[in-house]
Amino acid sequence: MQKTGNSRNLRLNIIIPITILIIVVADILTKNWIRSFPPDGQTIYKIGFISLIHITNTGSAFGAFQGYSLVLTIVAILGLFVLSGLGVYVYRKYPQFVSMPNRIALGLLLGGDLGNLIDRLRFSGQVTDFINPGFFYVFNVADAAITIGVILIIFSVLRETIRENK
């Protein structure tokens, strides 16, 4: 019986690093492919209402903080430490929040942060964005991972709050 518990814990504990790895690899591969096109904002490919274009961004999400690459790089590095520390804290203090969706959410947040940080370090503070839904800002795989991770955590907190208040 002990082996089953250890096996399950191993599977649960490996979810975060596997999620990080998947996001970082997908982010790097897609950005490398997009960089083979000129960064002129012209449509490379169109899939339904989503266009693929190549732009560079020296700011953060939604084009905010343009030109603050060094500050955003430092914030991204600090974010990795804060998110990791917060993950350990929640794991120990609030076991009701240690679930598969929350592990995936943490992996998405860390992987997205790391993906954009790698871009900033490789390309003088610039991040490559390429997914243009036409009704929103242009983003990349890392940005999408961060957004999905935040949404998963919000739903988790809301679900737990509702369950506690019943």
Protein backbone atom coordinates (compact mmCIF):
# COMPACT_ATOMS: atom_id res chain seq x y z
CA MET A 1 0.00 0.00 0.00
CA GLN A 2 2.86 2.38 0.72
CA LYS A 3 4.12 2.10 -2.86
CA THR A 4 0.77 3.29 -4.22
CA GLY A 5 0.86 6.44 -2.06
CA ASN A 6 4.45 7.18 -3.05
CA SER A 7 3.63 6.56 -6.70
CA ARG A 8 0.65 8.92 -6.53
CA ASN A 9 2.70 11.61 -4.75
CA LEU A 10 5.41 11.30 -7.38
CA ARG A 11 2.84 11.73 -10.17
CA LEU A 12 1.34 14.75 -8.42
CA ASN A 13 4.71 16.32 -7.65
CA ILE A 14 5.98 15.93 -11.20
CA ILE A 15 2.99 17.83 -12.66
CA ILE A 16 4.46 21.27 -11.94
CA PRO A 17 7.89 20.68 -13.54
CA ILE A 18 6.33 18.88 -16.53
CA THR A 19 3.89 21.77 -17.07
CA ILE A 20 6.75 24.28 -16.83
CA LEU A 21 8.80 22.29 -19.34
CA ILE A 22 5.91 21.98 -21.81
CA ILE A 23 5.16 25.72 -21.68
CA VAL A 24 8.81 26.81 -21.97
CA VAL A 25 9.54 24.44 -24.87
CA ALA A 26 6.32 25.38 -26.71
CA ASP A 27 7.03 29.08 -26.12
CA ILE A 28 10.62 28.89 -27.36
CA LEU A 29 9.75 26.77 -30.42
CA THR A 30 6.85 28.96 -31.51
CA LYS A 31 8.80 32.20 -30.98
CA ASN A 32 11.80 30.82 -32.88
CA TRP A 33 9.53 29.93 -35.80
CA ILE A 34 7.84 33.34 -35.79
CA ARG A 35 11.25 35.07 -35.72
CA SER A 36 11.96 33.57 -39.15
CA PHE A 37 9.51 36.21 -40.47
CA PRO A 38 10.15 39.97 -40.46
CA PRO A 39 8.86 41.77 -37.32
CA ASP A 40 6.68 44.11 -39.33
CA GLY A 41 3.24 43.24 -37.95
CA GLN A 42 2.07 41.83 -41.29
CA THR A 43 -0.15 38.75 -41.26
CA ILE A 44 1.89 35.57 -41.71
CA TYR A 45 -0.98 33.14 -41.48
CA LYS A 46 -4.67 33.40 -40.68
CA ILE A 47 -6.69 30.75 -38.85
CA GLY A 48 -10.30 31.83 -38.57
CA PHE A 49 -10.32 35.16 -36.76
CA ILE A 50 -6.78 34.67 -35.35
CA SER A 51 -3.81 36.02 -37.29
CA LEU A 52 -0.18 35.11 -36.74
CA ILE A 53 2.09 38.14 -36.96
CA HIS A 54 5.58 38.94 -35.70
CA ILE A 55 6.00 41.91 -33.39
CA THR A 56 8.48 42.66 -30.65
CA ASN A 57 7.42 44.06 -27.32
CA THR A 58 9.68 45.82 -24.82
CA GLY A 59 6.81 46.17 -22.38
CA SER A 60 4.64 43.81 -20.40
CA ALA A 61 1.23 42.32 -21.07
CA PHE A 62 -1.15 44.45 -23.13
CA GLY A 63 1.72 46.68 -24.26
CA ALA A 64 2.04 48.38 -20.87
CA PHE A 65 5.38 49.66 -19.53
CA GLN A 66 7.07 49.96 -22.95
CA GLY A 67 10.78 50.64 -22.61
CA TYR A 68 11.10 49.30 -19.05
CA SER A 69 12.84 46.08 -20.07
CA LEU A 70 15.35 46.01 -17.20
CA VAL A 71 12.64 46.54 -14.59
CA LEU A 72 10.42 43.91 -16.20
CA THR A 73 13.34 41.45 -16.31
CA ILE A 74 13.97 41.97 -12.59
CA VAL A 75 10.23 41.61 -11.86
CA ALA A 76 10.15 38.35 -13.85
CA ILE A 77 13.10 36.95 -11.88
CA LEU A 78 11.51 37.98 -8.59
CA GLY A 79 8.22 36.51 -9.82
CA LEU A 80 9.82 33.09 -10.22
CA PHE A 81 11.03 33.17 -6.61
CA VAL A 82 7.80 34.59 -5.19
CA LEU A 83 5.59 32.12 -7.07
CA SER A 84 7.79 29.19 -6.05
CA GLY A 85 7.81 30.31 -2.43
CA LEU A 86 4.08 30.91 -2.48
CA GLY A 87 3.54 27.44 -3.92
CA VAL A 88 5.53 25.86 -1.09
CA TYR A 89 3.72 28.00 1.50
CA VAL A 90 0.26 27.08 0.20
CA TYR A 91 1.27 23.41 -0.02
CA ARG A 92 2.17 23.41 3.69
CA LYS A 93 -0.38 25.83 5.15
CA TYR A 94 -3.49 25.29 3.00
CA PRO A 95 -3.65 21.66 1.89
CA GLN A 96 -7.22 22.14 0.62
CA PHE A 97 -5.72 24.16 -2.25
CA VAL A 98 -3.23 21.44 -3.23
CA SER A 99 -5.09 19.98 -6.18
CA MET A 100 -4.24 18.88 -9.69
CA PRO A 101 -5.72 22.04 -11.29
CA ASN A 102 -3.75 24.26 -8.88
CA ARG A 103 -0.53 22.36 -9.57
CA ILE A 104 -1.13 22.83 -13.29
CA ALA A 105 -1.95 26.51 -12.68
CA LEU A 106 1.32 27.04 -10.80
CA GLY A 107 3.21 25.27 -13.59
CA LEU A 108 1.51 27.51 -16.17
CA LEU A 109 2.41 30.66 -14.22
CA LEU A 110 6.02 29.63 -13.69
CA GLY A 111 6.42 28.35 -17.26
CA GLY A 112 4.93 31.52 -18.74
CA ASP A 113 7.08 33.75 -16.58
CA LEU A 114 10.19 31.74 -17.46
CA GLY A 115 9.34 31.72 -21.19
CA ASN A 116 9.09 35.50 -21.38
CA LEU A 117 12.13 35.91 -19.13
CA ILE A 118 14.20 33.76 -21.50
CA ASP A 119 13.12 36.02 -24.37
CA ARG A 120 14.05 39.18 -22.46
CA LEU A 121 17.47 37.79 -21.58
CA ARG A 122 18.15 36.51 -25.13
CA PHE A 123 16.93 39.55 -27.04
CA SER A 124 17.92 42.68 -25.11
CA GLY A 125 14.69 43.04 -23.17
CA GLN A 126 12.36 42.28 -26.07
CA VAL A 127 9.65 39.64 -26.08
CA THR A 128 8.27 38.18 -29.31
CA ASP A 129 4.48 38.27 -29.61
CA PHE A 130 2.60 36.70 -32.49
CA ILE A 131 -0.98 35.61 -31.74
CA ASN A 132 -3.40 38.32 -32.85
CA PRO A 133 -7.06 37.55 -32.17
CA GLY A 134 -8.03 40.86 -33.78
CA PHE A 135 -10.11 42.05 -30.83
CA PHE A 136 -7.37 41.96 -28.19
CA TYR A 137 -3.67 42.62 -27.80
CA VAL A 138 -1.08 40.45 -29.54
CA PHE A 139 0.34 37.79 -27.22
CA ASN A 140 2.41 34.58 -27.15
CA VAL A 141 2.30 31.09 -25.62
CA ALA A 142 3.84 32.31 -22.35
CA ASP A 143 1.25 35.08 -22.00
CA ALA A 144 -1.55 32.60 -22.67
CA ALA A 145 -0.15 30.20 -20.05
CA ILE A 146 0.00 32.96 -17.43
CA THR A 147 -3.56 34.04 -18.19
CA ILE A 148 -4.91 30.48 -18.00
CA GLY A 149 -2.97 29.87 -14.78
CA VAL A 150 -4.48 32.96 -13.15
CA ILE A 151 -7.99 31.96 -14.26
CA LEU A 152 -7.53 28.44 -12.83
CA ILE A 153 -6.41 29.84 -9.48
CA ILE A 154 -9.31 32.33 -9.34
CA PHE A 155 -11.80 29.53 -9.99
CA SER A 156 -10.11 27.37 -7.37
CA VAL A 157 -10.27 30.08 -4.71
CA LEU A 158 -13.90 30.85 -5.57
CA ARG A 159 -14.82 27.14 -5.44
CA GLU A 160 -13.12 26.69 -2.07
CA THR A 161 -14.74 29.87 -0.68
CA ILE A 162 -18.19 28.71 -1.76
CA ARG A 163 -17.58 25.25 -0.28
CA GLU A 164 -16.48 26.75 3.06
CA ASN A 165 -19.53 29.04 3.21
CA LYS A 166 -22.07 26.25 2.71
